[in-house]
N, C-alpha and C. Protein backbone atom coordinates (compact mmCIF):
# COMPACT_ATOMS: atom_id res chain seq x y z
N UNK A 1 -1.26 13.84 10.15
CA UNK A 1 -1.63 13.75 8.73
C UNK A 1 -0.68 14.60 7.89
N UNK A 2 -0.23 14.05 6.78
CA UNK A 2 0.55 14.80 5.81
C UNK A 2 -0.39 15.17 4.67
N UNK A 3 -1.02 16.35 4.79
CA UNK A 3 -2.10 16.71 3.87
C UNK A 3 -1.65 16.85 2.43
N UNK A 4 -0.38 17.16 2.21
CA UNK A 4 0.11 17.33 0.85
C UNK A 4 0.42 16.03 0.15
N UNK A 5 0.14 14.91 0.81
CA UNK A 5 0.41 13.59 0.24
C UNK A 5 -0.88 12.79 0.17
N UNK A 6 -1.18 12.28 -1.01
CA UNK A 6 -2.36 11.44 -1.20
C UNK A 6 -2.01 9.99 -0.87
N UNK A 7 -3.04 9.18 -0.68
CA UNK A 7 -2.81 7.78 -0.35
C UNK A 7 -3.67 6.86 -1.19
N UNK A 8 -3.14 5.68 -1.49
CA UNK A 8 -3.89 4.63 -2.17
C UNK A 8 -3.62 3.31 -1.47
N UNK A 9 -4.69 2.61 -1.15
CA UNK A 9 -4.57 1.26 -0.60
C UNK A 9 -4.77 0.28 -1.74
N UNK A 10 -3.78 -0.56 -1.98
CA UNK A 10 -3.81 -1.51 -3.08
C UNK A 10 -4.54 -2.77 -2.65
N UNK A 11 -5.75 -2.96 -3.18
CA UNK A 11 -6.58 -4.10 -2.77
C UNK A 11 -7.04 -4.90 -3.99
N UNK A 12 -6.25 -4.87 -5.05
CA UNK A 12 -6.67 -5.52 -6.29
C UNK A 12 -6.19 -6.92 -6.49
N UNK A 13 -5.47 -7.49 -5.49
CA UNK A 13 -4.95 -8.84 -5.65
C UNK A 13 -6.06 -9.88 -5.77
N UNK A 14 -5.77 -10.96 -6.47
CA UNK A 14 -6.78 -12.00 -6.72
C UNK A 14 -6.80 -13.09 -5.65
N UNK A 15 -5.85 -13.03 -4.69
CA UNK A 15 -5.90 -13.89 -3.49
C UNK A 15 -6.03 -15.38 -3.83
N UNK A 16 -5.21 -15.87 -4.76
CA UNK A 16 -5.33 -17.26 -5.18
C UNK A 16 -5.02 -18.25 -4.05
N UNK A 17 -4.07 -17.86 -3.16
CA UNK A 17 -3.67 -18.79 -2.10
C UNK A 17 -4.73 -18.92 -1.00
N UNK A 18 -5.74 -18.07 -1.04
CA UNK A 18 -6.81 -18.18 -0.05
C UNK A 18 -8.14 -18.49 -0.72
N UNK A 19 -8.06 -19.08 -1.93
CA UNK A 19 -9.27 -19.53 -2.61
C UNK A 19 -9.97 -18.46 -3.42
N UNK A 20 -9.28 -17.35 -3.67
CA UNK A 20 -9.88 -16.27 -4.45
C UNK A 20 -10.69 -15.33 -3.58
N UNK A 21 -11.27 -14.31 -4.22
CA UNK A 21 -12.04 -13.32 -3.46
C UNK A 21 -11.15 -12.20 -2.94
N UNK A 22 -11.73 -11.38 -2.08
CA UNK A 22 -11.04 -10.21 -1.56
C UNK A 22 -10.48 -10.48 -0.17
N UNK A 23 -9.16 -10.57 -0.07
CA UNK A 23 -8.54 -10.78 1.23
C UNK A 23 -8.92 -9.68 2.21
N UNK A 24 -9.00 -8.47 1.69
CA UNK A 24 -9.25 -7.33 2.57
C UNK A 24 -10.56 -7.39 3.32
N UNK A 25 -11.50 -8.19 2.85
CA UNK A 25 -12.79 -8.30 3.50
C UNK A 25 -12.86 -9.44 4.52
N UNK A 26 -11.76 -10.18 4.67
CA UNK A 26 -11.72 -11.25 5.67
C UNK A 26 -11.80 -10.65 7.08
N UNK A 27 -12.40 -11.40 7.99
CA UNK A 27 -12.58 -10.92 9.36
C UNK A 27 -11.26 -10.97 10.13
N UNK A 28 -11.00 -9.90 10.88
CA UNK A 28 -9.83 -9.83 11.75
C UNK A 28 -10.14 -8.91 12.92
N UNK A 29 -10.11 -9.47 14.11
CA UNK A 29 -10.26 -8.65 15.30
C UNK A 29 -11.53 -7.82 15.37
N UNK A 30 -12.65 -8.39 15.00
CA UNK A 30 -13.90 -7.68 15.10
C UNK A 30 -14.21 -6.75 13.94
N UNK A 31 -13.33 -6.71 12.98
CA UNK A 31 -13.58 -5.93 11.77
C UNK A 31 -13.05 -6.70 10.58
N UNK A 32 -12.77 -6.00 9.52
CA UNK A 32 -12.15 -6.64 8.36
C UNK A 32 -10.67 -6.31 8.32
N UNK A 33 -9.96 -7.07 7.53
CA UNK A 33 -8.53 -6.80 7.34
C UNK A 33 -8.32 -5.37 6.84
N UNK A 34 -9.16 -4.96 5.89
CA UNK A 34 -9.04 -3.60 5.37
C UNK A 34 -9.33 -2.54 6.43
N UNK A 35 -10.25 -2.85 7.33
CA UNK A 35 -10.55 -1.89 8.41
C UNK A 35 -9.28 -1.54 9.19
N UNK A 36 -8.47 -2.54 9.46
CA UNK A 36 -7.23 -2.30 10.21
C UNK A 36 -6.23 -1.49 9.40
N UNK A 37 -6.14 -1.79 8.11
CA UNK A 37 -5.24 -1.02 7.25
C UNK A 37 -5.68 0.44 7.19
N UNK A 38 -6.97 0.67 6.98
CA UNK A 38 -7.49 2.04 6.89
C UNK A 38 -7.28 2.78 8.21
N UNK A 39 -7.51 2.11 9.34
CA UNK A 39 -7.36 2.77 10.64
C UNK A 39 -5.95 3.28 10.85
N UNK A 40 -4.96 2.55 10.36
CA UNK A 40 -3.57 2.96 10.53
C UNK A 40 -3.11 3.96 9.47
N UNK A 41 -3.62 3.78 8.25
CA UNK A 41 -3.09 4.55 7.11
C UNK A 41 -3.82 5.88 6.90
N UNK A 42 -5.13 5.89 7.04
CA UNK A 42 -5.92 7.08 6.72
C UNK A 42 -5.47 8.33 7.48
N UNK A 43 -5.15 8.24 8.79
CA UNK A 43 -4.73 9.45 9.49
C UNK A 43 -3.41 10.04 9.01
N UNK A 44 -2.67 9.28 8.20
CA UNK A 44 -1.34 9.72 7.78
C UNK A 44 -1.34 10.52 6.48
N UNK A 45 -2.44 10.47 5.73
CA UNK A 45 -2.46 11.08 4.40
C UNK A 45 -3.63 12.04 4.27
N UNK A 46 -3.65 12.77 3.15
CA UNK A 46 -4.79 13.62 2.82
C UNK A 46 -5.83 12.79 2.09
N UNK A 47 -6.09 13.08 0.82
CA UNK A 47 -7.07 12.29 0.05
C UNK A 47 -6.64 10.83 -0.03
N UNK A 48 -7.61 9.92 0.13
CA UNK A 48 -7.30 8.49 0.17
C UNK A 48 -8.35 7.72 -0.62
N UNK A 49 -7.89 6.80 -1.47
CA UNK A 49 -8.80 5.93 -2.22
C UNK A 49 -8.34 4.49 -2.12
N UNK A 50 -9.23 3.60 -2.51
CA UNK A 50 -8.96 2.18 -2.56
C UNK A 50 -8.80 1.77 -4.02
N UNK A 51 -7.72 1.09 -4.34
CA UNK A 51 -7.48 0.60 -5.70
C UNK A 51 -7.96 -0.83 -5.80
N UNK A 52 -9.03 -1.07 -6.58
CA UNK A 52 -9.58 -2.41 -6.73
C UNK A 52 -10.41 -2.48 -8.00
N UNK A 53 -10.42 -3.65 -8.61
CA UNK A 53 -11.23 -3.87 -9.81
C UNK A 53 -12.54 -4.57 -9.45
N UNK A 54 -13.46 -4.62 -10.40
CA UNK A 54 -14.73 -5.28 -10.16
C UNK A 54 -15.75 -4.34 -9.53
N UNK A 55 -16.82 -4.91 -9.01
CA UNK A 55 -17.93 -4.14 -8.45
C UNK A 55 -17.47 -3.41 -7.19
N UNK A 56 -17.45 -2.08 -7.19
CA UNK A 56 -16.99 -1.35 -6.01
C UNK A 56 -17.94 -1.46 -4.83
N UNK A 57 -19.18 -1.89 -5.07
CA UNK A 57 -20.17 -1.95 -4.00
C UNK A 57 -19.75 -2.90 -2.88
N UNK A 58 -18.92 -3.89 -3.21
CA UNK A 58 -18.53 -4.84 -2.18
C UNK A 58 -17.64 -4.21 -1.11
N UNK A 59 -17.08 -3.05 -1.42
CA UNK A 59 -16.24 -2.34 -0.46
C UNK A 59 -16.97 -1.19 0.22
N UNK A 60 -18.29 -1.17 0.11
CA UNK A 60 -19.07 -0.06 0.65
C UNK A 60 -18.80 0.15 2.14
N UNK A 61 -18.58 -0.94 2.86
CA UNK A 61 -18.36 -0.84 4.29
C UNK A 61 -17.03 -0.22 4.68
N UNK A 62 -16.11 -0.13 3.71
CA UNK A 62 -14.79 0.43 4.01
C UNK A 62 -14.85 1.95 4.10
N UNK A 63 -15.80 2.54 3.37
CA UNK A 63 -15.99 3.99 3.45
C UNK A 63 -15.01 4.81 2.65
N UNK A 64 -14.44 4.24 1.61
CA UNK A 64 -13.49 4.97 0.76
C UNK A 64 -13.95 4.91 -0.69
N UNK A 65 -13.62 5.96 -1.48
CA UNK A 65 -13.85 5.86 -2.92
C UNK A 65 -13.01 4.73 -3.50
N UNK A 66 -13.53 4.07 -4.52
CA UNK A 66 -12.82 2.95 -5.15
C UNK A 66 -12.48 3.33 -6.59
N UNK A 67 -11.21 3.13 -6.97
CA UNK A 67 -10.78 3.41 -8.34
C UNK A 67 -10.30 2.11 -8.98
N UNK A 68 -10.73 1.84 -10.19
CA UNK A 68 -10.33 0.64 -10.92
C UNK A 68 -9.08 0.92 -11.75
N UNK A 69 -8.33 -0.13 -12.04
CA UNK A 69 -7.11 0.02 -12.84
C UNK A 69 -7.40 0.72 -14.17
N UNK A 70 -6.51 1.62 -14.54
CA UNK A 70 -6.61 2.28 -15.85
C UNK A 70 -5.89 1.47 -16.92
N UNK A 71 -5.28 0.35 -16.52
CA UNK A 71 -4.64 -0.58 -17.44
C UNK A 71 -5.42 -1.89 -17.37
N UNK A 72 -5.79 -2.45 -18.49
CA UNK A 72 -6.59 -3.67 -18.51
C UNK A 72 -5.74 -4.91 -18.25
N UNK A 73 -6.42 -5.96 -17.80
CA UNK A 73 -5.77 -7.27 -17.73
C UNK A 73 -5.16 -7.65 -16.41
N UNK A 74 -5.58 -7.06 -15.30
CA UNK A 74 -5.04 -7.40 -13.98
C UNK A 74 -3.50 -7.41 -14.01
N UNK A 75 -2.95 -6.25 -14.24
CA UNK A 75 -1.50 -6.11 -14.42
C UNK A 75 -0.73 -6.02 -13.11
N UNK A 76 -1.39 -6.34 -11.99
CA UNK A 76 -0.70 -6.40 -10.72
C UNK A 76 -0.61 -5.07 -10.00
N UNK A 77 0.16 -5.05 -8.90
CA UNK A 77 0.22 -3.84 -8.07
C UNK A 77 0.76 -2.62 -8.79
N UNK A 78 1.61 -2.82 -9.79
CA UNK A 78 2.14 -1.65 -10.50
C UNK A 78 1.01 -0.91 -11.22
N UNK A 79 -0.01 -1.64 -11.67
CA UNK A 79 -1.16 -1.00 -12.30
C UNK A 79 -1.95 -0.19 -11.27
N UNK A 80 -2.04 -0.71 -10.05
CA UNK A 80 -2.70 0.04 -8.99
C UNK A 80 -1.94 1.30 -8.62
N UNK A 81 -0.61 1.22 -8.62
CA UNK A 81 0.21 2.39 -8.34
C UNK A 81 0.02 3.44 -9.44
N UNK A 82 0.03 3.00 -10.70
CA UNK A 82 -0.21 3.92 -11.81
C UNK A 82 -1.58 4.57 -11.69
N UNK A 83 -2.58 3.77 -11.41
CA UNK A 83 -3.94 4.30 -11.26
C UNK A 83 -4.00 5.34 -10.15
N UNK A 84 -3.33 5.06 -9.04
CA UNK A 84 -3.29 6.01 -7.93
C UNK A 84 -2.61 7.31 -8.31
N UNK A 85 -1.50 7.21 -9.02
CA UNK A 85 -0.78 8.41 -9.46
C UNK A 85 -1.64 9.24 -10.40
N UNK A 86 -2.29 8.58 -11.34
CA UNK A 86 -3.11 9.32 -12.30
C UNK A 86 -4.34 9.92 -11.61
N UNK A 87 -4.91 9.19 -10.67
CA UNK A 87 -6.04 9.73 -9.91
C UNK A 87 -5.63 10.96 -9.11
N UNK A 88 -4.51 10.86 -8.41
CA UNK A 88 -4.06 11.97 -7.58
C UNK A 88 -3.68 13.18 -8.42
N UNK A 89 -3.04 12.94 -9.57
CA UNK A 89 -2.65 14.05 -10.45
C UNK A 89 -3.87 14.78 -11.00
N UNK A 90 -4.95 14.05 -11.25
CA UNK A 90 -6.14 14.64 -11.85
C UNK A 90 -7.10 15.23 -10.84
N UNK A 91 -7.05 14.76 -9.58
CA UNK A 91 -8.10 15.11 -8.63
C UNK A 91 -7.63 15.79 -7.35
N UNK A 92 -6.33 15.96 -7.18
CA UNK A 92 -5.84 16.58 -5.96
C UNK A 92 -4.78 17.62 -6.30
N UNK A 93 -4.37 18.36 -5.28
CA UNK A 93 -3.26 19.30 -5.43
C UNK A 93 -1.99 18.75 -4.80
N UNK A 94 -2.00 17.46 -4.47
CA UNK A 94 -0.84 16.83 -3.84
C UNK A 94 0.32 16.72 -4.82
N UNK A 95 1.50 16.60 -4.27
CA UNK A 95 2.70 16.44 -5.09
C UNK A 95 3.27 15.02 -5.01
N UNK A 96 2.72 14.21 -4.12
CA UNK A 96 3.23 12.85 -3.96
C UNK A 96 2.10 11.94 -3.52
N UNK A 97 2.34 10.65 -3.72
CA UNK A 97 1.38 9.60 -3.36
C UNK A 97 2.12 8.54 -2.55
N UNK A 98 1.48 8.07 -1.48
CA UNK A 98 2.02 6.92 -0.77
C UNK A 98 1.07 5.75 -0.96
N UNK A 99 1.63 4.60 -1.30
CA UNK A 99 0.84 3.39 -1.49
C UNK A 99 1.04 2.45 -0.31
N UNK A 100 -0.01 1.68 -0.02
CA UNK A 100 0.05 0.68 1.04
C UNK A 100 -0.74 -0.54 0.59
N UNK A 101 -0.26 -1.73 0.91
CA UNK A 101 -0.96 -2.95 0.55
C UNK A 101 -2.15 -3.16 1.47
N UNK A 102 -3.25 -3.66 0.91
CA UNK A 102 -4.49 -3.82 1.67
C UNK A 102 -4.56 -5.06 2.52
N UNK A 103 -3.47 -5.84 2.58
CA UNK A 103 -3.47 -7.07 3.38
C UNK A 103 -2.41 -7.03 4.48
N UNK A 104 -2.08 -5.81 4.91
CA UNK A 104 -0.98 -5.63 5.87
C UNK A 104 -1.47 -4.83 7.06
N UNK A 105 -2.09 -5.51 8.04
CA UNK A 105 -2.81 -4.80 9.11
C UNK A 105 -1.96 -4.13 10.18
N UNK A 106 -0.64 -4.34 10.15
CA UNK A 106 0.21 -3.78 11.19
C UNK A 106 1.19 -2.74 10.64
N UNK A 107 0.84 -2.14 9.51
CA UNK A 107 1.75 -1.17 8.88
C UNK A 107 2.08 -0.04 9.86
N UNK A 108 3.29 0.52 9.76
CA UNK A 108 3.71 1.55 10.73
C UNK A 108 2.81 2.78 10.70
N UNK A 109 2.53 3.29 11.89
CA UNK A 109 1.69 4.48 12.00
C UNK A 109 2.46 5.76 11.67
N UNK A 110 3.77 5.64 11.47
CA UNK A 110 4.58 6.78 11.02
C UNK A 110 5.16 6.54 9.63
N UNK A 111 4.51 5.66 8.87
CA UNK A 111 4.99 5.30 7.54
C UNK A 111 5.18 6.52 6.65
N UNK A 112 4.13 7.31 6.50
CA UNK A 112 4.17 8.45 5.57
C UNK A 112 5.14 9.52 6.05
N UNK A 113 5.12 9.78 7.33
CA UNK A 113 6.02 10.79 7.89
C UNK A 113 7.48 10.46 7.60
N UNK A 114 7.86 9.23 7.81
CA UNK A 114 9.26 8.84 7.62
C UNK A 114 9.64 8.75 6.14
N UNK A 115 8.73 8.28 5.30
CA UNK A 115 9.02 8.25 3.87
C UNK A 115 9.19 9.67 3.33
N UNK A 116 8.30 10.57 3.75
CA UNK A 116 8.38 11.96 3.28
C UNK A 116 9.66 12.62 3.76
N UNK A 117 10.05 12.37 5.01
CA UNK A 117 11.26 12.98 5.55
C UNK A 117 12.50 12.51 4.80
N UNK A 118 12.48 11.27 4.33
CA UNK A 118 13.65 10.71 3.64
C UNK A 118 13.92 11.37 2.30
N UNK A 119 12.89 11.98 1.69
CA UNK A 119 13.08 12.61 0.38
C UNK A 119 12.84 14.12 0.45
N UNK A 120 12.85 14.66 1.66
CA UNK A 120 12.56 16.09 1.83
C UNK A 120 13.51 16.97 1.04
N UNK A 121 14.77 16.57 0.94
CA UNK A 121 15.77 17.34 0.21
C UNK A 121 16.07 16.74 -1.16
N UNK A 122 15.24 15.79 -1.58
CA UNK A 122 15.48 15.10 -2.85
C UNK A 122 14.20 15.03 -3.67
N UNK A 123 13.75 16.15 -4.22
CA UNK A 123 12.51 16.13 -5.01
C UNK A 123 12.62 15.18 -6.20
N UNK A 124 11.52 14.49 -6.47
CA UNK A 124 11.49 13.55 -7.58
C UNK A 124 11.97 12.16 -7.24
N UNK A 125 12.36 11.95 -5.96
CA UNK A 125 12.90 10.66 -5.53
C UNK A 125 11.80 9.78 -4.94
N UNK A 126 11.87 8.50 -5.22
CA UNK A 126 10.97 7.51 -4.63
C UNK A 126 11.54 7.08 -3.27
N UNK A 127 10.70 6.99 -2.25
CA UNK A 127 11.11 6.47 -0.95
C UNK A 127 10.41 5.14 -0.72
N UNK A 128 11.19 4.10 -0.42
CA UNK A 128 10.66 2.74 -0.31
C UNK A 128 10.87 2.21 1.10
N UNK A 129 9.81 1.65 1.68
CA UNK A 129 9.90 1.09 3.02
C UNK A 129 10.66 -0.23 3.01
N UNK A 130 11.45 -0.45 4.07
CA UNK A 130 12.17 -1.70 4.27
C UNK A 130 12.04 -2.10 5.73
N UNK A 131 12.20 -3.39 5.99
CA UNK A 131 12.27 -3.88 7.37
C UNK A 131 13.02 -5.19 7.37
N UNK A 132 13.80 -5.39 8.39
CA UNK A 132 14.59 -6.62 8.46
C UNK A 132 15.48 -6.81 7.26
N UNK A 133 15.92 -5.72 6.64
CA UNK A 133 16.78 -5.79 5.46
C UNK A 133 16.05 -6.13 4.18
N UNK A 134 14.71 -6.19 4.21
CA UNK A 134 13.92 -6.54 3.04
C UNK A 134 13.12 -5.32 2.56
N UNK A 135 13.13 -5.11 1.25
CA UNK A 135 12.39 -3.99 0.68
C UNK A 135 10.93 -4.37 0.45
N UNK A 136 10.04 -3.41 0.70
CA UNK A 136 8.60 -3.62 0.49
C UNK A 136 8.11 -2.60 -0.55
N UNK A 137 8.24 -2.95 -1.83
CA UNK A 137 8.02 -1.96 -2.90
C UNK A 137 6.59 -1.44 -3.01
N UNK A 138 5.60 -2.15 -2.45
CA UNK A 138 4.24 -1.60 -2.51
C UNK A 138 3.98 -0.60 -1.39
N UNK A 139 4.95 -0.41 -0.50
CA UNK A 139 4.89 0.63 0.52
C UNK A 139 5.93 1.68 0.17
N UNK A 140 5.51 2.69 -0.55
CA UNK A 140 6.47 3.66 -1.06
C UNK A 140 5.81 5.01 -1.29
N UNK A 141 6.65 6.03 -1.31
CA UNK A 141 6.22 7.38 -1.69
C UNK A 141 6.65 7.62 -3.11
N UNK A 142 5.67 8.06 -3.94
CA UNK A 142 5.89 8.25 -5.37
C UNK A 142 5.60 9.69 -5.75
N UNK A 143 6.56 10.41 -6.31
CA UNK A 143 6.26 11.75 -6.85
C UNK A 143 5.23 11.64 -7.97
N UNK A 144 4.23 12.52 -7.97
CA UNK A 144 3.17 12.41 -8.96
C UNK A 144 3.67 12.59 -10.39
N UNK A 145 4.79 13.29 -10.53
CA UNK A 145 5.34 13.51 -11.86
C UNK A 145 5.79 12.25 -12.57
N UNK A 146 5.80 11.13 -11.86
CA UNK A 146 6.24 9.86 -12.46
C UNK A 146 5.14 9.16 -13.24
N UNK A 147 3.91 9.67 -13.19
CA UNK A 147 2.81 8.87 -13.74
C UNK A 147 2.93 8.62 -15.25
N UNK A 148 3.45 9.58 -15.99
CA UNK A 148 3.56 9.38 -17.44
C UNK A 148 4.64 8.36 -17.78
N UNK A 149 5.79 8.44 -17.11
CA UNK A 149 6.86 7.50 -17.40
C UNK A 149 6.49 6.10 -16.90
N UNK A 150 5.71 6.02 -15.82
CA UNK A 150 5.26 4.72 -15.34
C UNK A 150 4.27 4.09 -16.33
N UNK A 151 3.41 4.88 -16.93
CA UNK A 151 2.48 4.34 -17.92
C UNK A 151 3.26 3.77 -19.11
N UNK A 152 4.28 4.45 -19.56
CA UNK A 152 5.09 3.92 -20.67
C UNK A 152 5.78 2.62 -20.26
N UNK A 153 6.29 2.60 -19.04
CA UNK A 153 6.99 1.42 -18.52
C UNK A 153 6.06 0.21 -18.48
N UNK A 154 4.84 0.42 -17.99
CA UNK A 154 3.90 -0.67 -17.81
C UNK A 154 3.20 -1.07 -19.10
N UNK A 155 2.80 -0.09 -19.88
CA UNK A 155 2.01 -0.38 -21.09
C UNK A 155 2.91 -0.66 -22.30
N UNK A 156 3.83 0.25 -22.57
CA UNK A 156 4.66 0.11 -23.77
C UNK A 156 5.73 -0.96 -23.62
N UNK A 157 6.39 -0.98 -22.45
CA UNK A 157 7.44 -1.97 -22.23
C UNK A 157 6.91 -3.27 -21.64
N UNK A 158 5.68 -3.23 -21.12
CA UNK A 158 5.02 -4.41 -20.56
C UNK A 158 5.85 -5.05 -19.45
N UNK A 159 6.39 -4.22 -18.57
CA UNK A 159 7.12 -4.70 -17.40
C UNK A 159 6.24 -4.45 -16.18
N UNK A 160 6.00 -5.50 -15.39
CA UNK A 160 5.02 -5.39 -14.31
C UNK A 160 5.63 -5.44 -12.92
N UNK A 161 6.92 -5.59 -12.80
CA UNK A 161 7.55 -5.69 -11.48
C UNK A 161 7.76 -4.31 -10.88
N UNK A 162 7.21 -4.11 -9.70
CA UNK A 162 7.33 -2.81 -9.04
C UNK A 162 8.80 -2.49 -8.78
N UNK A 163 9.56 -3.47 -8.32
CA UNK A 163 10.97 -3.23 -8.01
C UNK A 163 11.76 -2.82 -9.25
N UNK A 164 11.39 -3.36 -10.40
CA UNK A 164 12.09 -3.01 -11.64
C UNK A 164 11.92 -1.53 -11.97
N UNK A 165 10.72 -1.00 -11.73
CA UNK A 165 10.49 0.42 -11.97
C UNK A 165 11.27 1.26 -10.97
N UNK A 166 11.25 0.86 -9.70
CA UNK A 166 11.99 1.60 -8.68
C UNK A 166 13.48 1.65 -9.02
N UNK A 167 14.02 0.51 -9.42
CA UNK A 167 15.46 0.43 -9.68
C UNK A 167 15.89 1.31 -10.85
N UNK A 168 14.95 1.67 -11.70
CA UNK A 168 15.28 2.49 -12.85
C UNK A 168 15.31 3.99 -12.50
N UNK A 169 14.87 4.34 -11.31
CA UNK A 169 14.75 5.74 -10.91
C UNK A 169 15.54 6.03 -9.65
N UNK A 170 15.65 7.32 -9.32
CA UNK A 170 16.31 7.72 -8.09
C UNK A 170 15.42 7.30 -6.92
N UNK A 171 15.98 6.54 -5.99
CA UNK A 171 15.19 6.08 -4.86
C UNK A 171 16.04 6.02 -3.60
N UNK A 172 15.36 5.98 -2.46
CA UNK A 172 16.03 5.80 -1.18
C UNK A 172 15.25 4.77 -0.38
N UNK A 173 15.96 3.84 0.25
CA UNK A 173 15.34 2.86 1.13
C UNK A 173 15.21 3.45 2.53
N UNK A 174 14.07 3.19 3.16
CA UNK A 174 13.82 3.70 4.51
C UNK A 174 13.53 2.51 5.42
N UNK A 175 14.42 2.26 6.37
CA UNK A 175 14.31 1.09 7.23
C UNK A 175 13.36 1.36 8.40
N UNK A 176 12.42 0.45 8.64
CA UNK A 176 11.50 0.54 9.75
C UNK A 176 11.81 -0.57 10.75
N UNK A 177 11.70 -0.29 12.05
CA UNK A 177 12.02 -1.30 13.06
C UNK A 177 10.97 -2.40 13.11
N UNK A 178 11.37 -3.55 13.59
CA UNK A 178 10.46 -4.66 13.79
C UNK A 178 9.56 -4.36 14.99
N UNK A 179 8.38 -4.97 15.00
CA UNK A 179 7.47 -4.86 16.13
C UNK A 179 7.88 -5.87 17.20
N UNK A 180 7.76 -5.48 18.46
CA UNK A 180 8.01 -6.40 19.56
C UNK A 180 6.72 -6.66 20.30
N UNK A 181 6.33 -7.92 20.36
CA UNK A 181 5.09 -8.28 21.05
C UNK A 181 5.21 -9.70 21.59
N UNK A 182 4.88 -9.85 22.87
CA UNK A 182 4.94 -11.18 23.47
C UNK A 182 6.33 -11.78 23.48
N UNK A 183 7.34 -10.92 23.54
CA UNK A 183 8.71 -11.39 23.55
C UNK A 183 9.24 -11.81 22.19
N UNK A 184 8.47 -11.55 21.13
CA UNK A 184 8.88 -11.95 19.78
C UNK A 184 8.93 -10.72 18.87
N UNK A 185 9.74 -10.82 17.84
CA UNK A 185 9.82 -9.77 16.83
C UNK A 185 8.89 -10.09 15.67
N UNK A 186 8.19 -9.07 15.20
CA UNK A 186 7.26 -9.25 14.08
C UNK A 186 7.52 -8.15 13.06
N UNK A 187 7.42 -8.52 11.80
CA UNK A 187 7.59 -7.55 10.72
C UNK A 187 6.34 -6.68 10.62
N UNK A 188 6.47 -5.35 10.71
CA UNK A 188 5.29 -4.49 10.60
C UNK A 188 4.62 -4.58 9.23
N UNK A 189 5.34 -5.10 8.24
CA UNK A 189 4.78 -5.24 6.89
C UNK A 189 4.33 -6.68 6.61
N UNK A 190 4.20 -7.47 7.67
CA UNK A 190 3.67 -8.83 7.56
C UNK A 190 2.32 -8.79 6.86
N UNK A 191 2.21 -9.57 5.76
CA UNK A 191 0.96 -9.53 4.99
C UNK A 191 0.28 -10.90 4.99
N UNK A 192 -1.04 -10.85 4.83
CA UNK A 192 -1.86 -12.04 4.94
C UNK A 192 -1.96 -12.71 3.56
N UNK A 193 -1.38 -13.91 3.44
CA UNK A 193 -1.45 -14.66 2.19
C UNK A 193 -2.18 -16.00 2.33
N UNK A 194 -2.18 -16.54 3.55
CA UNK A 194 -2.77 -17.86 3.77
C UNK A 194 -3.66 -17.83 5.01
N UNK A 195 -4.41 -18.90 5.21
CA UNK A 195 -5.24 -19.02 6.41
C UNK A 195 -4.38 -19.01 7.66
N UNK A 196 -3.20 -19.63 7.59
CA UNK A 196 -2.29 -19.63 8.75
C UNK A 196 -1.83 -18.21 9.07
N UNK A 197 -1.61 -17.41 8.04
CA UNK A 197 -1.22 -16.02 8.26
C UNK A 197 -2.32 -15.26 9.01
N UNK A 198 -3.56 -15.56 8.66
CA UNK A 198 -4.68 -14.88 9.30
C UNK A 198 -4.76 -15.26 10.78
N UNK A 199 -4.53 -16.52 11.08
CA UNK A 199 -4.50 -16.97 12.48
C UNK A 199 -3.38 -16.26 13.23
N UNK A 200 -2.23 -16.18 12.61
CA UNK A 200 -1.08 -15.50 13.23
C UNK A 200 -1.39 -14.03 13.47
N UNK A 201 -2.05 -13.40 12.51
CA UNK A 201 -2.41 -11.99 12.66
C UNK A 201 -3.38 -11.77 13.81
N UNK A 202 -4.32 -12.69 13.96
CA UNK A 202 -5.29 -12.59 15.06
C UNK A 202 -4.58 -12.67 16.41
N UNK A 203 -3.64 -13.59 16.52
CA UNK A 203 -2.88 -13.73 17.76
C UNK A 203 -2.04 -12.49 18.04
N UNK A 204 -1.41 -11.98 17.01
CA UNK A 204 -0.59 -10.79 17.17
C UNK A 204 -1.44 -9.60 17.58
N UNK A 205 -2.60 -9.46 16.95
CA UNK A 205 -3.50 -8.37 17.29
C UNK A 205 -3.92 -8.45 18.75
N UNK A 206 -4.26 -9.64 19.22
CA UNK A 206 -4.67 -9.80 20.61
C UNK A 206 -3.54 -9.49 21.57
N UNK A 207 -2.32 -9.85 21.21
CA UNK A 207 -1.18 -9.60 22.08
C UNK A 207 -0.84 -8.11 22.15
N UNK A 208 -1.26 -7.34 21.15
CA UNK A 208 -0.97 -5.91 21.11
C UNK A 208 -2.03 -5.08 21.83
N UNK A 209 -3.19 -5.69 22.09
CA UNK A 209 -4.25 -4.95 22.76
C UNK A 209 -3.91 -4.70 24.22
N UNK A 210 -4.24 -3.49 24.74
CA UNK A 210 -3.91 -3.18 26.13
C UNK A 210 -4.72 -4.02 27.11
C-alpha cells in the first residue's frame, strides 16, 4: 500500500453499449466487475472512494464511500478525476491521487507503485499508464495541486478529454507489460464495453485461476 496516495475508482460511465446501467455491477467470476477492480486496487492506495452519480445505495455491496461529480451534466471521466482530486484535497493528507477505471478487472497489482516511482524525482508531474504502446489516461497519478487548474479546464474551457488535459501539463508515460495466459497476450487494461468483452473476461479469469 502507498498510504500517501489516495485512490478513486471511476464508475460513472453510462454504459450505452451494454444497454445502460452500471457495468461495474455486472457478474464476473462469482462477484461483480467492481469487486475485481477493488480487490486489485484497494491494497495499493490509502483512502479510496468510488466516483459515481445517482443513488449511491446501489453500490452498497462494494463497501466504499461514493462521491458524485462536482460538475453537472455527466461530463465524463475528467469530471470524476476532478471530483477525486477535490475530495482528496479536502479530506486526506495525501499529496497525489491515482485513478482507475471501474470496468477493468485485470489492472496491474503494481500500478500505483510504478506510477509513483516514475515521478519520484519530478514533483507536480502526472504519470500515465500505457501498455502495448497505447496510453490509458484514466489510469494515472495526479498531483493534488492540479485540482484548481483542472476545474478551470473542465468548467471554464469546457474541454472534456482527459488526454487533452494531460498533454497540457508535465507528464511521463509508464509502460506496463502485457499479461500472458493460455499462451496468449492480454492487455492488463482490457476494459468491458460489450457482452462479448464480458465473456472474454470470464474466460481470461478462469485461465488465470490456479
